[in-house]
Amino acid sequence: GATRTLPAGSTVLDFAYDLHSNLGNKCLGGKVNAEIVPRNYVLKNGDQLEIITSKNQYPTVEWFDFVKTTRAKECIKEAIRLEQKKYKEEGERILNNYFQELGFECNDANKGKVRAATKIRSEYEFYKYIASGKMSKERIQQIISDAKNKNLESFQRNISDELSKKTLDQLLDEELEKNPEIFMLDESSSEKIKHIVAPCCKPIPGDQVVG
């Protein structure tokens, strides 16, 4: 029975935020004069209102389109900011764990390869996608491996196109400067990759090798 004063054009959602920020964040709709209405329903003078909530409801950017009060806008903005931070931290944690388990570096280059494969432009949506469990560890392994294969294929094409112009040593030196990681066989990776050291040339650590 308490009276609330709001600007003309205010909606059910404005009223919910006027009562409490958590009530607004969980607002599903309302009952105006005992009739169920959506949260964007514009209130009239003298309306009696009850807020309907859901624990699964959360603010979206579309809510800005139909709220009138500054308080409602600020509450929505803060709720979305906190949600984005939560998903980003959780998504980064899951992605970094996957990289470590697979033996990949947790760098921007590898993260960029995974994000490019999902074709998700928004950083927030990308990490939300990861945090929601929609990207498996096996899929990440495939993405990174495919990217490495493409680098090798590109190098092979360069070898074919440029072999008549430059020596193999020159081509290797140039490619190593651009993509050193695709030729690196360190102690950790040498245990995972099946290989046999050729007895004929007796290579030692540090030698350049092409296969």
N, C-alpha and C. Protein backbone atom coordinates (compact mmCIF):
# COMPACT_ATOMS: atom_id res chain seq x y z
N GLY A 1 0.80 -1.23 0.00
CA GLY A 1 0.00 0.00 0.00
C GLY A 1 0.83 1.27 0.00
N ALA A 2 2.15 1.15 0.07
CA ALA A 2 3.01 2.34 0.07
C ALA A 2 2.99 3.01 -1.30
N THR A 3 3.16 4.32 -1.29
CA THR A 3 3.15 5.08 -2.55
C THR A 3 4.58 5.34 -3.02
N ARG A 4 4.81 5.15 -4.32
CA ARG A 4 6.11 5.44 -4.93
C ARG A 4 5.90 6.46 -6.04
N THR A 5 6.79 7.43 -6.13
CA THR A 5 6.70 8.45 -7.18
C THR A 5 7.81 8.20 -8.20
N LEU A 6 7.43 8.06 -9.47
CA LEU A 6 8.37 7.80 -10.55
C LEU A 6 8.10 8.76 -11.70
N PRO A 7 9.07 9.00 -12.57
CA PRO A 7 8.86 9.88 -13.72
C PRO A 7 7.81 9.29 -14.67
N ALA A 8 7.12 10.16 -15.40
CA ALA A 8 6.15 9.71 -16.40
C ALA A 8 6.85 8.83 -17.43
N GLY A 9 6.19 7.74 -17.82
CA GLY A 9 6.78 6.81 -18.78
C GLY A 9 7.56 5.68 -18.15
N SER A 10 7.63 5.65 -16.80
CA SER A 10 8.36 4.58 -16.12
C SER A 10 7.64 3.24 -16.30
N THR A 11 8.43 2.18 -16.23
CA THR A 11 7.91 0.83 -16.47
C THR A 11 7.93 0.00 -15.19
N VAL A 12 7.42 -1.22 -15.33
CA VAL A 12 7.46 -2.18 -14.22
C VAL A 12 8.90 -2.37 -13.74
N LEU A 13 9.84 -2.41 -14.69
CA LEU A 13 11.25 -2.62 -14.33
C LEU A 13 11.80 -1.43 -13.54
N ASP A 14 11.42 -0.21 -13.92
CA ASP A 14 11.83 0.97 -13.15
C ASP A 14 11.35 0.85 -11.71
N PHE A 15 10.10 0.42 -11.55
CA PHE A 15 9.51 0.27 -10.22
C PHE A 15 10.29 -0.76 -9.40
N ALA A 16 10.65 -1.88 -10.03
CA ALA A 16 11.39 -2.95 -9.34
C ALA A 16 12.74 -2.43 -8.85
N TYR A 17 13.45 -1.68 -9.71
CA TYR A 17 14.74 -1.13 -9.30
C TYR A 17 14.59 -0.04 -8.25
N ASP A 18 13.47 0.67 -8.28
CA ASP A 18 13.22 1.70 -7.28
C ASP A 18 13.08 1.08 -5.89
N LEU A 19 12.58 -0.16 -5.84
CA LEU A 19 12.43 -0.86 -4.57
C LEU A 19 13.77 -1.43 -4.10
N HIS A 20 14.47 -2.15 -5.01
CA HIS A 20 15.76 -2.76 -4.65
C HIS A 20 16.46 -3.24 -5.92
N SER A 21 17.80 -3.09 -5.96
CA SER A 21 18.55 -3.48 -7.16
C SER A 21 18.41 -4.97 -7.46
N ASN A 22 18.44 -5.83 -6.44
CA ASN A 22 18.30 -7.28 -6.66
C ASN A 22 16.91 -7.64 -7.18
N LEU A 23 15.92 -6.90 -6.75
CA LEU A 23 14.56 -7.12 -7.23
C LEU A 23 14.47 -6.78 -8.72
N GLY A 24 15.15 -5.71 -9.10
CA GLY A 24 15.18 -5.33 -10.52
C GLY A 24 15.94 -6.33 -11.36
N ASN A 25 17.09 -6.79 -10.85
CA ASN A 25 17.93 -7.75 -11.60
C ASN A 25 17.20 -9.06 -11.87
N LYS A 26 16.31 -9.45 -10.98
CA LYS A 26 15.59 -10.73 -11.11
C LYS A 26 14.16 -10.56 -11.62
N CYS A 27 13.83 -9.34 -12.07
CA CYS A 27 12.45 -9.03 -12.48
C CYS A 27 12.06 -9.77 -13.75
N LEU A 28 10.99 -10.55 -13.65
CA LEU A 28 10.47 -11.28 -14.80
C LEU A 28 9.27 -10.55 -15.42
N GLY A 29 8.56 -9.82 -14.58
CA GLY A 29 7.38 -9.10 -15.01
C GLY A 29 6.68 -8.54 -13.79
N GLY A 30 5.37 -8.34 -13.90
CA GLY A 30 4.66 -7.81 -12.74
C GLY A 30 3.17 -8.07 -12.84
N LYS A 31 2.48 -7.76 -11.74
CA LYS A 31 1.01 -7.77 -11.72
C LYS A 31 0.56 -6.34 -11.47
N VAL A 32 -0.08 -5.73 -12.47
CA VAL A 32 -0.60 -4.38 -12.34
C VAL A 32 -2.11 -4.48 -12.17
N ASN A 33 -2.58 -4.02 -11.03
CA ASN A 33 -4.01 -4.12 -10.71
C ASN A 33 -4.50 -5.56 -10.89
N ALA A 34 -3.67 -6.51 -10.40
CA ALA A 34 -3.96 -7.95 -10.39
C ALA A 34 -3.85 -8.62 -11.76
N GLU A 35 -3.41 -7.88 -12.81
CA GLU A 35 -3.23 -8.47 -14.15
C GLU A 35 -1.74 -8.62 -14.45
N ILE A 36 -1.34 -9.79 -14.94
CA ILE A 36 0.07 -10.04 -15.25
C ILE A 36 0.48 -9.24 -16.49
N VAL A 37 1.61 -8.52 -16.38
CA VAL A 37 2.13 -7.69 -17.49
C VAL A 37 3.63 -7.93 -17.62
N PRO A 38 4.21 -7.63 -18.80
CA PRO A 38 5.67 -7.77 -18.96
C PRO A 38 6.42 -6.66 -18.22
N ARG A 39 7.74 -6.82 -18.08
CA ARG A 39 8.52 -5.82 -17.33
C ARG A 39 8.64 -4.48 -18.04
N ASN A 40 8.34 -4.44 -19.37
CA ASN A 40 8.41 -3.16 -20.09
C ASN A 40 7.06 -2.43 -20.12
N TYR A 41 6.10 -2.93 -19.36
CA TYR A 41 4.77 -2.29 -19.30
C TYR A 41 4.91 -0.89 -18.69
N VAL A 42 4.35 0.12 -19.37
CA VAL A 42 4.42 1.50 -18.90
C VAL A 42 3.31 1.75 -17.87
N LEU A 43 3.73 2.22 -16.70
CA LEU A 43 2.80 2.40 -15.59
C LEU A 43 1.96 3.68 -15.74
N LYS A 44 0.77 3.62 -15.15
CA LYS A 44 -0.12 4.79 -15.14
C LYS A 44 -0.32 5.25 -13.70
N ASN A 45 -0.74 6.48 -13.56
CA ASN A 45 -0.97 7.04 -12.24
C ASN A 45 -1.98 6.20 -11.46
N GLY A 46 -1.63 5.82 -10.24
CA GLY A 46 -2.56 5.09 -9.38
C GLY A 46 -2.50 3.58 -9.52
N ASP A 47 -1.64 3.07 -10.41
CA ASP A 47 -1.52 1.61 -10.56
C ASP A 47 -1.04 0.96 -9.27
N GLN A 48 -1.57 -0.20 -8.98
CA GLN A 48 -1.09 -1.01 -7.86
C GLN A 48 -0.27 -2.15 -8.44
N LEU A 49 0.95 -2.30 -7.93
CA LEU A 49 1.91 -3.17 -8.61
C LEU A 49 2.56 -4.20 -7.68
N GLU A 50 2.70 -5.41 -8.21
CA GLU A 50 3.44 -6.48 -7.53
C GLU A 50 4.49 -6.99 -8.50
N ILE A 51 5.74 -7.16 -8.03
CA ILE A 51 6.83 -7.61 -8.90
C ILE A 51 6.93 -9.13 -8.90
N ILE A 52 7.08 -9.71 -10.09
CA ILE A 52 7.30 -11.16 -10.24
C ILE A 52 8.78 -11.38 -10.56
N THR A 53 9.44 -12.25 -9.82
CA THR A 53 10.88 -12.47 -10.02
C THR A 53 11.19 -13.93 -10.37
N SER A 54 12.39 -14.13 -10.87
CA SER A 54 12.90 -15.48 -11.15
C SER A 54 14.38 -15.50 -10.83
N LYS A 55 14.84 -16.54 -10.16
CA LYS A 55 16.26 -16.64 -9.81
C LYS A 55 17.14 -16.83 -11.05
N ASN A 56 16.50 -17.27 -12.14
CA ASN A 56 17.26 -17.49 -13.38
C ASN A 56 17.30 -16.25 -14.28
N GLN A 57 16.64 -15.18 -13.87
CA GLN A 57 16.60 -13.97 -14.67
C GLN A 57 17.83 -13.11 -14.38
N TYR A 58 18.34 -12.46 -15.45
CA TYR A 58 19.50 -11.56 -15.26
C TYR A 58 19.43 -10.45 -16.30
N PRO A 59 19.90 -9.25 -15.95
CA PRO A 59 19.80 -8.11 -16.88
C PRO A 59 20.51 -8.35 -18.21
N THR A 60 19.98 -7.75 -19.27
CA THR A 60 20.61 -7.76 -20.59
C THR A 60 20.65 -6.33 -21.11
N VAL A 61 21.43 -6.10 -22.16
CA VAL A 61 21.56 -4.74 -22.71
C VAL A 61 20.23 -4.24 -23.27
N GLU A 62 19.33 -5.16 -23.65
CA GLU A 62 18.03 -4.75 -24.19
C GLU A 62 17.18 -4.02 -23.14
N TRP A 63 17.46 -4.23 -21.88
CA TRP A 63 16.69 -3.59 -20.82
C TRP A 63 16.84 -2.06 -20.84
N PHE A 64 17.97 -1.59 -21.35
CA PHE A 64 18.18 -0.14 -21.43
C PHE A 64 17.12 0.54 -22.30
N ASP A 65 16.55 -0.20 -23.24
CA ASP A 65 15.60 0.38 -24.20
C ASP A 65 14.28 0.81 -23.57
N PHE A 66 13.93 0.23 -22.41
CA PHE A 66 12.60 0.55 -21.88
C PHE A 66 12.60 0.99 -20.41
N VAL A 67 13.77 1.35 -19.88
CA VAL A 67 13.77 1.93 -18.53
C VAL A 67 13.89 3.45 -18.63
N LYS A 68 13.32 4.13 -17.67
CA LYS A 68 13.25 5.59 -17.71
C LYS A 68 14.16 6.24 -16.66
N THR A 69 14.27 5.60 -15.51
CA THR A 69 14.98 6.22 -14.39
C THR A 69 16.49 5.99 -14.45
N THR A 70 17.23 6.97 -13.92
CA THR A 70 18.69 6.87 -13.87
C THR A 70 19.12 5.72 -12.98
N ARG A 71 18.41 5.51 -11.88
CA ARG A 71 18.75 4.42 -10.96
C ARG A 71 18.69 3.07 -11.67
N ALA A 72 17.64 2.86 -12.44
CA ALA A 72 17.49 1.58 -13.15
C ALA A 72 18.64 1.39 -14.14
N LYS A 73 18.99 2.44 -14.88
CA LYS A 73 20.07 2.35 -15.87
C LYS A 73 21.40 2.04 -15.21
N GLU A 74 21.68 2.69 -14.08
CA GLU A 74 22.95 2.46 -13.38
C GLU A 74 23.01 1.04 -12.81
N CYS A 75 21.90 0.57 -12.28
CA CYS A 75 21.86 -0.80 -11.72
C CYS A 75 22.07 -1.86 -12.82
N ILE A 76 21.44 -1.64 -13.98
CA ILE A 76 21.59 -2.58 -15.10
C ILE A 76 23.04 -2.59 -15.58
N LYS A 77 23.61 -1.40 -15.71
CA LYS A 77 25.00 -1.28 -16.18
C LYS A 77 25.96 -2.00 -15.23
N GLU A 78 25.77 -1.82 -13.93
CA GLU A 78 26.64 -2.46 -12.93
C GLU A 78 26.47 -3.98 -12.93
N ALA A 79 25.22 -4.44 -13.05
CA ALA A 79 24.96 -5.88 -13.06
C ALA A 79 25.61 -6.55 -14.27
N ILE A 80 25.51 -5.91 -15.45
CA ILE A 80 26.11 -6.47 -16.66
C ILE A 80 27.63 -6.46 -16.54
N ARG A 81 28.19 -5.39 -15.98
CA ARG A 81 29.65 -5.31 -15.81
C ARG A 81 30.15 -6.44 -14.92
N LEU A 82 29.45 -6.70 -13.82
CA LEU A 82 29.85 -7.77 -12.90
C LEU A 82 29.72 -9.15 -13.54
N GLU A 83 28.67 -9.32 -14.35
CA GLU A 83 28.47 -10.61 -15.04
C GLU A 83 29.59 -10.85 -16.05
N GLN A 84 29.94 -9.80 -16.80
CA GLN A 84 31.01 -9.93 -17.78
C GLN A 84 32.34 -10.26 -17.11
N LYS A 85 32.62 -9.61 -15.99
CA LYS A 85 33.86 -9.88 -15.25
C LYS A 85 33.89 -11.32 -14.76
N LYS A 86 32.74 -11.79 -14.25
CA LYS A 86 32.66 -13.16 -13.74
C LYS A 86 32.93 -14.18 -14.85
N TYR A 87 32.27 -14.00 -15.99
CA TYR A 87 32.44 -14.94 -17.10
C TYR A 87 33.85 -14.87 -17.68
N LYS A 88 34.42 -13.66 -17.75
CA LYS A 88 35.78 -13.52 -18.29
C LYS A 88 36.78 -14.25 -17.41
N GLU A 89 36.68 -14.07 -16.10
CA GLU A 89 37.61 -14.73 -15.18
C GLU A 89 37.44 -16.25 -15.23
N GLU A 90 36.20 -16.72 -15.25
CA GLU A 90 35.94 -18.15 -15.29
C GLU A 90 36.37 -18.76 -16.63
N GLY A 91 36.07 -18.04 -17.72
CA GLY A 91 36.44 -18.53 -19.05
C GLY A 91 37.95 -18.59 -19.22
N GLU A 92 38.65 -17.57 -18.74
CA GLU A 92 40.12 -17.56 -18.83
C GLU A 92 40.73 -18.69 -18.00
N ARG A 93 40.16 -18.92 -16.83
CA ARG A 93 40.67 -20.00 -15.96
C ARG A 93 40.52 -21.36 -16.64
N ILE A 94 39.36 -21.62 -17.22
CA ILE A 94 39.11 -22.90 -17.90
C ILE A 94 40.03 -23.06 -19.11
N LEU A 95 40.16 -21.97 -19.90
CA LEU A 95 40.99 -22.02 -21.10
C LEU A 95 42.45 -22.25 -20.75
N ASN A 96 42.95 -21.55 -19.73
CA ASN A 96 44.34 -21.73 -19.30
C ASN A 96 44.59 -23.15 -18.80
N ASN A 97 43.62 -23.70 -18.08
CA ASN A 97 43.75 -25.09 -17.60
C ASN A 97 43.84 -26.07 -18.77
N TYR A 98 43.00 -25.84 -19.78
CA TYR A 98 43.03 -26.69 -20.99
C TYR A 98 44.40 -26.62 -21.66
N PHE A 99 44.91 -25.41 -21.83
CA PHE A 99 46.22 -25.22 -22.47
C PHE A 99 47.31 -25.96 -21.70
N GLN A 100 47.30 -25.83 -20.38
CA GLN A 100 48.32 -26.48 -19.56
C GLN A 100 48.22 -28.00 -19.66
N GLU A 101 47.01 -28.52 -19.64
CA GLU A 101 46.81 -29.98 -19.74
C GLU A 101 47.25 -30.51 -21.11
N LEU A 102 47.08 -29.69 -22.14
CA LEU A 102 47.44 -30.11 -23.49
C LEU A 102 48.89 -29.80 -23.84
N GLY A 103 49.58 -29.06 -22.96
CA GLY A 103 50.97 -28.71 -23.22
C GLY A 103 51.15 -27.53 -24.15
N PHE A 104 50.12 -26.69 -24.29
CA PHE A 104 50.21 -25.49 -25.13
C PHE A 104 50.51 -24.27 -24.26
N GLU A 105 51.15 -23.27 -24.85
CA GLU A 105 51.42 -22.03 -24.13
C GLU A 105 50.13 -21.24 -23.91
N CYS A 106 49.99 -20.64 -22.72
CA CYS A 106 48.81 -19.81 -22.41
C CYS A 106 49.07 -18.37 -22.88
N ASN A 107 49.22 -18.19 -24.17
CA ASN A 107 49.52 -16.85 -24.69
C ASN A 107 48.37 -16.31 -25.54
N ASP A 108 48.47 -15.03 -25.90
CA ASP A 108 47.41 -14.38 -26.68
C ASP A 108 47.26 -15.00 -28.07
N ALA A 109 48.38 -15.50 -28.62
CA ALA A 109 48.33 -16.08 -29.96
C ALA A 109 47.42 -17.32 -29.98
N ASN A 110 47.62 -18.21 -29.01
CA ASN A 110 46.81 -19.43 -28.95
C ASN A 110 45.35 -19.12 -28.61
N LYS A 111 45.14 -18.15 -27.69
CA LYS A 111 43.78 -17.74 -27.36
C LYS A 111 43.08 -17.16 -28.59
N GLY A 112 43.86 -16.41 -29.38
CA GLY A 112 43.32 -15.81 -30.60
C GLY A 112 42.91 -16.87 -31.62
N LYS A 113 43.68 -17.96 -31.70
CA LYS A 113 43.35 -19.05 -32.63
C LYS A 113 42.04 -19.72 -32.24
N VAL A 114 41.85 -19.93 -30.94
CA VAL A 114 40.61 -20.57 -30.46
C VAL A 114 39.43 -19.64 -30.70
N ARG A 115 39.62 -18.35 -30.40
CA ARG A 115 38.52 -17.39 -30.58
C ARG A 115 38.16 -17.25 -32.06
N ALA A 116 39.18 -17.24 -32.93
CA ALA A 116 38.93 -17.14 -34.37
C ALA A 116 38.13 -18.34 -34.87
N ALA A 117 38.40 -19.50 -34.30
CA ALA A 117 37.70 -20.72 -34.72
C ALA A 117 36.23 -20.68 -34.32
N THR A 118 35.92 -20.01 -33.20
CA THR A 118 34.52 -19.91 -32.76
C THR A 118 33.75 -18.83 -33.53
N LYS A 119 34.50 -17.91 -34.17
CA LYS A 119 33.92 -16.79 -34.93
C LYS A 119 33.08 -15.86 -34.03
N ILE A 120 33.44 -15.80 -32.74
CA ILE A 120 32.76 -14.91 -31.80
C ILE A 120 33.57 -13.63 -31.69
N ARG A 121 32.99 -12.50 -32.05
CA ARG A 121 33.72 -11.24 -32.05
C ARG A 121 33.87 -10.63 -30.66
N SER A 122 32.82 -10.73 -29.86
CA SER A 122 32.83 -10.12 -28.53
C SER A 122 33.68 -10.95 -27.57
N GLU A 123 34.61 -10.28 -26.86
CA GLU A 123 35.45 -10.98 -25.89
C GLU A 123 34.59 -11.57 -24.78
N TYR A 124 33.60 -10.80 -24.31
CA TYR A 124 32.71 -11.28 -23.25
C TYR A 124 31.95 -12.54 -23.69
N GLU A 125 31.38 -12.51 -24.90
CA GLU A 125 30.62 -13.66 -25.41
C GLU A 125 31.53 -14.88 -25.59
N PHE A 126 32.78 -14.62 -25.99
CA PHE A 126 33.74 -15.72 -26.17
C PHE A 126 34.01 -16.42 -24.85
N TYR A 127 34.33 -15.63 -23.81
CA TYR A 127 34.63 -16.24 -22.51
C TYR A 127 33.38 -16.84 -21.87
N LYS A 128 32.22 -16.27 -22.14
CA LYS A 128 30.98 -16.86 -21.66
C LYS A 128 30.75 -18.22 -22.33
N TYR A 129 31.10 -18.30 -23.61
CA TYR A 129 31.00 -19.55 -24.38
C TYR A 129 31.90 -20.62 -23.75
N ILE A 130 33.12 -20.22 -23.38
CA ILE A 130 34.06 -21.15 -22.76
C ILE A 130 33.57 -21.55 -21.37
N ALA A 131 33.15 -20.55 -20.58
CA ALA A 131 32.71 -20.81 -19.21
C ALA A 131 31.45 -21.68 -19.16
N SER A 132 30.65 -21.62 -20.22
CA SER A 132 29.42 -22.40 -20.27
C SER A 132 29.67 -23.86 -20.65
N GLY A 133 30.94 -24.20 -20.91
CA GLY A 133 31.29 -25.59 -21.20
C GLY A 133 31.01 -26.01 -22.64
N LYS A 134 30.90 -25.03 -23.55
CA LYS A 134 30.58 -25.34 -24.95
C LYS A 134 31.81 -25.64 -25.79
N MET A 135 33.01 -25.47 -25.20
CA MET A 135 34.25 -25.76 -25.92
C MET A 135 35.02 -26.84 -25.16
N SER A 136 35.18 -28.00 -25.78
CA SER A 136 35.85 -29.11 -25.12
C SER A 136 37.37 -29.01 -25.27
N LYS A 137 38.07 -29.72 -24.40
CA LYS A 137 39.54 -29.75 -24.47
C LYS A 137 40.00 -30.37 -25.79
N GLU A 138 39.27 -31.38 -26.25
CA GLU A 138 39.63 -32.04 -27.51
C GLU A 138 39.50 -31.09 -28.71
N ARG A 139 38.46 -30.25 -28.67
CA ARG A 139 38.25 -29.28 -29.75
C ARG A 139 39.38 -28.25 -29.77
N ILE A 140 39.83 -27.82 -28.60
CA ILE A 140 40.93 -26.85 -28.52
C ILE A 140 42.21 -27.46 -29.07
N GLN A 141 42.45 -28.73 -28.74
CA GLN A 141 43.63 -29.41 -29.26
C GLN A 141 43.61 -29.46 -30.79
N GLN A 142 42.42 -29.73 -31.33
CA GLN A 142 42.26 -29.80 -32.79
C GLN A 142 42.51 -28.43 -33.43
N ILE A 143 41.98 -27.37 -32.80
CA ILE A 143 42.14 -26.01 -33.35
C ILE A 143 43.61 -25.61 -33.40
N ILE A 144 44.32 -25.79 -32.27
CA ILE A 144 45.73 -25.40 -32.22
C ILE A 144 46.57 -26.25 -33.18
N SER A 145 46.27 -27.54 -33.23
CA SER A 145 47.01 -28.44 -34.12
C SER A 145 46.78 -28.07 -35.58
N ASP A 146 45.53 -27.76 -35.93
CA ASP A 146 45.21 -27.35 -37.30
C ASP A 146 45.93 -26.08 -37.67
N ALA A 147 46.02 -25.14 -36.71
CA ALA A 147 46.71 -23.88 -36.97
C ALA A 147 48.20 -24.12 -37.23
N LYS A 148 48.78 -25.05 -36.44
CA LYS A 148 50.20 -25.38 -36.66
C LYS A 148 50.40 -26.03 -38.03
N ASN A 149 49.47 -26.91 -38.41
CA ASN A 149 49.56 -27.58 -39.71
C ASN A 149 49.48 -26.57 -40.85
N LYS A 150 48.61 -25.55 -40.67
CA LYS A 150 48.50 -24.52 -41.71
C LYS A 150 49.80 -23.74 -41.85
N ASN A 151 50.47 -23.48 -40.70
CA ASN A 151 51.75 -22.79 -40.75
C ASN A 151 52.78 -23.62 -41.51
N LEU A 152 52.77 -24.92 -41.24
CA LEU A 152 53.71 -25.81 -41.94
C LEU A 152 53.41 -25.91 -43.43
N GLU A 153 52.10 -25.98 -43.76
CA GLU A 153 51.70 -26.02 -45.18
C GLU A 153 52.13 -24.76 -45.89
N SER A 154 51.97 -23.63 -45.22
CA SER A 154 52.37 -22.36 -45.80
C SER A 154 53.88 -22.34 -46.04
N PHE A 155 54.64 -22.87 -45.06
CA PHE A 155 56.09 -22.93 -45.21
C PHE A 155 56.49 -23.84 -46.38
N GLN A 156 55.78 -24.96 -46.51
CA GLN A 156 56.08 -25.89 -47.61
C GLN A 156 55.83 -25.23 -48.96
N ARG A 157 54.75 -24.43 -49.04
CA ARG A 157 54.48 -23.72 -50.30
C ARG A 157 55.58 -22.70 -50.59
N ASN A 158 56.03 -22.02 -49.52
CA ASN A 158 57.11 -21.05 -49.71
C ASN A 158 58.38 -21.73 -50.20
N ILE A 159 58.66 -22.91 -49.65
CA ILE A 159 59.84 -23.68 -50.08
C ILE A 159 59.74 -24.00 -51.57
N SER A 160 58.54 -24.46 -51.98
CA SER A 160 58.35 -24.84 -53.38
C SER A 160 58.50 -23.64 -54.32
N ASP A 161 57.92 -22.50 -53.89
CA ASP A 161 57.92 -21.32 -54.75
C ASP A 161 59.28 -20.64 -54.83
N GLU A 162 60.03 -20.68 -53.71
CA GLU A 162 61.25 -19.90 -53.62
C GLU A 162 62.53 -20.73 -53.77
N LEU A 163 62.39 -22.05 -53.88
CA LEU A 163 63.57 -22.91 -53.87
C LEU A 163 64.55 -22.57 -55.00
N SER A 164 63.98 -22.16 -56.13
CA SER A 164 64.85 -21.86 -57.27
C SER A 164 65.61 -20.55 -57.09
N LYS A 165 65.13 -19.69 -56.13
CA LYS A 165 65.74 -18.37 -55.95
C LYS A 165 66.72 -18.32 -54.78
N LYS A 166 66.45 -19.15 -53.74
CA LYS A 166 67.27 -19.07 -52.53
C LYS A 166 67.70 -20.47 -52.11
N THR A 167 68.77 -20.51 -51.29
CA THR A 167 69.22 -21.80 -50.76
C THR A 167 68.28 -22.23 -49.64
N LEU A 168 68.29 -23.51 -49.31
CA LEU A 168 67.45 -24.05 -48.24
C LEU A 168 67.79 -23.39 -46.90
N ASP A 169 69.09 -23.16 -46.66
CA ASP A 169 69.50 -22.52 -45.40
C ASP A 169 68.91 -21.12 -45.29
N GLN A 170 68.91 -20.39 -46.40
CA GLN A 170 68.34 -19.03 -46.37
C GLN A 170 66.85 -19.08 -46.05
N LEU A 171 66.14 -20.00 -46.69
CA LEU A 171 64.70 -20.12 -46.47
C LEU A 171 64.40 -20.51 -45.02
N LEU A 172 65.19 -21.44 -44.47
CA LEU A 172 64.99 -21.86 -43.09
C LEU A 172 65.22 -20.72 -42.11
N ASP A 173 66.30 -19.96 -42.36
CA ASP A 173 66.60 -18.84 -41.46
C ASP A 173 65.48 -17.81 -41.46
N GLU A 174 64.92 -17.53 -42.66
CA GLU A 174 63.84 -16.55 -42.77
C GLU A 174 62.58 -17.04 -42.05
N GLU A 175 62.27 -18.34 -42.24
CA GLU A 175 61.05 -18.87 -41.63
C GLU A 175 61.19 -18.99 -40.12
N LEU A 176 62.39 -19.32 -39.65
CA LEU A 176 62.63 -19.42 -38.21
C LEU A 176 62.46 -18.07 -37.52
N GLU A 177 62.79 -16.99 -38.22
CA GLU A 177 62.62 -15.65 -37.65
C GLU A 177 61.14 -15.32 -37.50
N LYS A 178 60.32 -15.76 -38.46
CA LYS A 178 58.89 -15.44 -38.44
C LYS A 178 58.11 -16.38 -37.52
N ASN A 179 58.38 -17.69 -37.61
CA ASN A 179 57.61 -18.69 -36.84
C ASN A 179 58.55 -19.69 -36.16
N PRO A 180 59.31 -19.25 -35.17
CA PRO A 180 60.26 -20.18 -34.54
C PRO A 180 59.60 -21.36 -33.85
N GLU A 181 58.34 -21.16 -33.37
CA GLU A 181 57.70 -22.20 -32.57
C GLU A 181 57.36 -23.45 -33.38
N ILE A 182 57.16 -23.32 -34.72
CA ILE A 182 56.74 -24.49 -35.47
C ILE A 182 57.90 -25.46 -35.73
N PHE A 183 59.12 -25.01 -35.45
CA PHE A 183 60.28 -25.90 -35.64
C PHE A 183 60.91 -26.32 -34.31
N MET A 184 60.35 -25.82 -33.20
CA MET A 184 60.99 -26.05 -31.91
C MET A 184 60.63 -27.43 -31.35
N LEU A 185 61.64 -28.22 -31.04
CA LEU A 185 61.45 -29.53 -30.42
C LEU A 185 62.23 -29.49 -29.12
N ASP A 186 61.54 -29.08 -28.04
CA ASP A 186 62.23 -28.98 -26.75
C ASP A 186 62.10 -30.29 -25.96
N GLU A 187 62.59 -30.27 -24.73
CA GLU A 187 62.60 -31.50 -23.94
C GLU A 187 61.20 -32.03 -23.67
N SER A 188 60.24 -31.11 -23.41
CA SER A 188 58.89 -31.56 -23.09
C SER A 188 58.18 -32.14 -24.31
N SER A 189 58.36 -31.47 -25.47
CA SER A 189 57.65 -31.94 -26.66
C SER A 189 58.32 -33.18 -27.26
N SER A 190 59.63 -33.32 -27.06
CA SER A 190 60.32 -34.48 -27.65
C SER A 190 59.84 -35.79 -27.04
N GLU A 191 59.31 -35.71 -25.81
CA GLU A 191 58.79 -36.92 -25.19
C GLU A 191 57.42 -37.30 -25.74
N LYS A 192 56.69 -36.29 -26.25
CA LYS A 192 55.33 -36.53 -26.74
C LYS A 192 55.30 -36.87 -28.22
N ILE A 193 56.28 -36.37 -28.96
CA ILE A 193 56.27 -36.57 -30.42
C ILE A 193 57.16 -37.75 -30.77
N LYS A 194 56.59 -38.72 -31.45
CA LYS A 194 57.36 -39.90 -31.84
C LYS A 194 58.37 -39.51 -32.92
N HIS A 195 59.64 -39.78 -32.67
CA HIS A 195 60.66 -39.42 -33.66
C HIS A 195 61.88 -40.33 -33.51
N ILE A 196 62.67 -40.40 -34.55
CA ILE A 196 63.92 -41.18 -34.54
C ILE A 196 65.03 -40.25 -35.03
N VAL A 197 66.11 -40.15 -34.27
CA VAL A 197 67.24 -39.33 -34.68
C VAL A 197 68.04 -40.09 -35.74
N ALA A 198 68.25 -39.48 -36.89
CA ALA A 198 68.96 -40.14 -37.99
C ALA A 198 70.40 -40.45 -37.59
N PRO A 199 70.87 -41.69 -37.80
CA PRO A 199 72.24 -42.04 -37.43
C PRO A 199 73.29 -41.52 -38.42
N CYS A 200 72.82 -41.13 -39.62
CA CYS A 200 73.78 -40.77 -40.67
C CYS A 200 74.46 -39.42 -40.43
N CYS A 201 73.66 -38.42 -40.01
CA CYS A 201 74.24 -37.07 -39.90
C CYS A 201 74.59 -36.68 -38.47
N LYS A 202 74.16 -37.50 -37.48
CA LYS A 202 74.47 -37.29 -36.07
C LYS A 202 74.23 -35.84 -35.62
N PRO A 203 72.95 -35.37 -35.67
CA PRO A 203 72.67 -33.99 -35.25
C PRO A 203 72.87 -33.81 -33.74
N ILE A 204 73.26 -32.62 -33.35
CA ILE A 204 73.43 -32.29 -31.94
C ILE A 204 72.47 -31.13 -31.61
N PRO A 205 72.14 -30.95 -30.33
CA PRO A 205 71.21 -29.85 -29.97
C PRO A 205 71.67 -28.51 -30.52
N GLY A 206 70.73 -27.79 -31.17
CA GLY A 206 71.06 -26.50 -31.75
C GLY A 206 71.17 -26.55 -33.27
N ASP A 207 71.39 -27.75 -33.83
CA ASP A 207 71.46 -27.88 -35.29
C ASP A 207 70.10 -27.60 -35.91
N GLN A 208 70.11 -27.00 -37.09
CA GLN A 208 68.86 -26.82 -37.84
C GLN A 208 68.54 -28.12 -38.59
N VAL A 209 67.31 -28.55 -38.45
CA VAL A 209 66.90 -29.81 -39.07
C VAL A 209 65.63 -29.57 -39.85
N VAL A 210 65.53 -30.08 -41.07
CA VAL A 210 64.29 -30.01 -41.85
C VAL A 210 63.89 -31.41 -42.24
N GLY A 211 62.56 -31.68 -42.18
CA GLY A 211 62.07 -33.01 -42.53
C GLY A 211 61.11 -32.94 -43.69
